[in-house]
Each structure stands twice: as structure tokens, then as C-alpha cells.
Amino acid sequence: MAKTAGLAKKGAPPAREVTSNVIEADPRRSEGKTRPLKVQVPESILSEFNGEANERFEHRNGSKSKLFLEMWEIYQKHK
């Protein structure tokens, strides 16, 4: 049976922790409005792409986008 004796106690809730504003502290630069790019590729290629993105950008948020943009820059240089 659950212990409910402690639920009857009254008192103030614990103090709220103060944290920094993570939106303002975001180090990612904004390059303007972004739009999703949806493509269909075989699972094996997607798995390799995800692995490469995670390896290059250390499993950080946006690693696939960063890898795509890096590939796009290389493509533009060799066009």
C-alpha cells in the first residue's frame, strides 16, 4: 500500500530555480527563415548519412542540417 501520510502536510512549495534564458543564449547563428527539405532515400544511405553527420558534428542538434549545408557549399565550389 502507498504511504500517504506525507501528503497531508501543508507548507510552501520549494523555491523555483533560476536559470538563464536558453533562447537568448543559443550560439547558433540565424541565416534567415528556414524551410524543411524532404527527400526519400534508401535506408542504407540514410543510415550512412546520419552516421557521418553524428561523427563530424559530435551528435549535436542540427548535425544533419550542418552536413547538408557543408555538402552544398562544396557542390557550389565545384559547379
Protein backbone atom coordinates (compact mmCIF):
# COMPACT_ATOMS: atom_id res chain seq x y z
CA MET A 1 0.00 0.00 0.00
CA ALA A 2 1.25 3.51 -0.80
CA LYS A 3 2.37 5.78 2.02
CA THR A 4 0.08 8.79 2.04
CA ALA A 5 0.87 10.29 5.46
CA GLY A 6 3.24 12.87 3.99
CA LEU A 7 0.57 14.18 1.60
CA ALA A 8 -1.44 15.77 4.41
CA LYS A 9 1.37 18.15 5.42
CA LYS A 10 0.89 21.74 4.41
CA GLY A 11 3.57 24.26 3.59
CA ALA A 12 5.12 26.35 0.89
CA PRO A 13 6.28 24.65 -2.30
CA PRO A 14 10.03 24.51 -2.91
CA ALA A 15 11.62 27.66 -4.27
CA ARG A 16 11.83 27.96 -8.03
CA GLU A 17 15.27 27.55 -9.54
CA VAL A 18 16.53 30.48 -11.59
CA THR A 19 18.04 29.51 -14.96
CA SER A 20 19.45 31.52 -17.81
CA ASN A 21 17.33 32.26 -20.86
CA VAL A 22 18.28 29.44 -23.23
CA ILE A 23 16.65 31.16 -26.20
CA GLU A 24 18.90 34.22 -25.87
CA ALA A 25 21.98 32.11 -25.10
CA ASP A 26 21.60 29.99 -28.27
CA PRO A 27 25.00 30.16 -30.04
CA ARG A 28 23.64 29.02 -33.40
CA ARG A 29 23.56 31.81 -35.92
CA SER A 30 20.39 32.50 -37.80
CA GLU A 31 20.64 32.60 -41.57
CA GLY A 32 17.12 33.82 -42.00
CA LYS A 33 13.97 31.80 -42.40
CA THR A 34 14.47 28.06 -42.80
CA ARG A 35 12.31 25.56 -44.65
CA PRO A 36 12.29 21.76 -44.42
CA LEU A 37 13.78 19.71 -47.23
CA LYS A 38 12.08 16.35 -47.60
CA VAL A 39 13.70 13.68 -49.71
CA GLN A 40 13.29 9.92 -50.00
CA VAL A 41 16.48 7.86 -49.95
CA PRO A 42 17.21 4.18 -49.33
CA GLU A 43 17.57 3.22 -45.64
CA SER A 44 21.21 2.23 -46.10
CA ILE A 45 22.14 5.68 -47.43
CA LEU A 46 20.15 7.41 -44.69
CA SER A 47 21.94 5.34 -42.07
CA GLU A 48 25.35 6.22 -43.53
CA PHE A 49 24.42 9.91 -43.79
CA ASN A 50 23.22 10.02 -40.16
CA GLY A 51 26.40 8.28 -39.02
CA GLU A 52 28.62 10.71 -40.92
CA ALA A 53 26.69 13.73 -39.58
CA ASN A 54 26.93 12.48 -36.00
CA GLU A 55 30.63 11.72 -36.38
CA ARG A 56 31.53 15.11 -37.86
CA PHE A 57 29.36 17.23 -35.59
CA GLU A 58 29.59 15.15 -32.38
CA HIS A 59 25.91 14.15 -32.08
CA ARG A 60 24.81 17.76 -31.71
CA ASN A 61 21.43 19.15 -32.55
CA GLY A 62 21.20 20.02 -36.25
CA SER A 63 24.08 17.79 -37.32
CA LYS A 64 22.26 16.53 -40.43
CA SER A 65 21.42 20.09 -41.49
CA LYS A 66 25.02 21.16 -40.95
CA LEU A 67 26.31 18.25 -43.02
CA PHE A 68 23.88 19.04 -45.82
CA LEU A 69 24.92 22.71 -45.85
CA GLU A 70 28.59 21.69 -45.89
CA MET A 71 27.91 19.39 -48.85
CA TRP A 72 26.02 22.19 -50.62
CA GLU A 73 28.95 24.60 -50.21
CA ILE A 74 31.34 22.03 -51.69
CA TYR A 75 28.95 21.44 -54.58
CA GLN A 76 28.72 25.19 -55.28
CA LYS A 77 32.53 25.50 -55.37
CA HIS A 78 32.91 22.66 -57.90
CA LYS A 79 29.99 23.63 -60.11
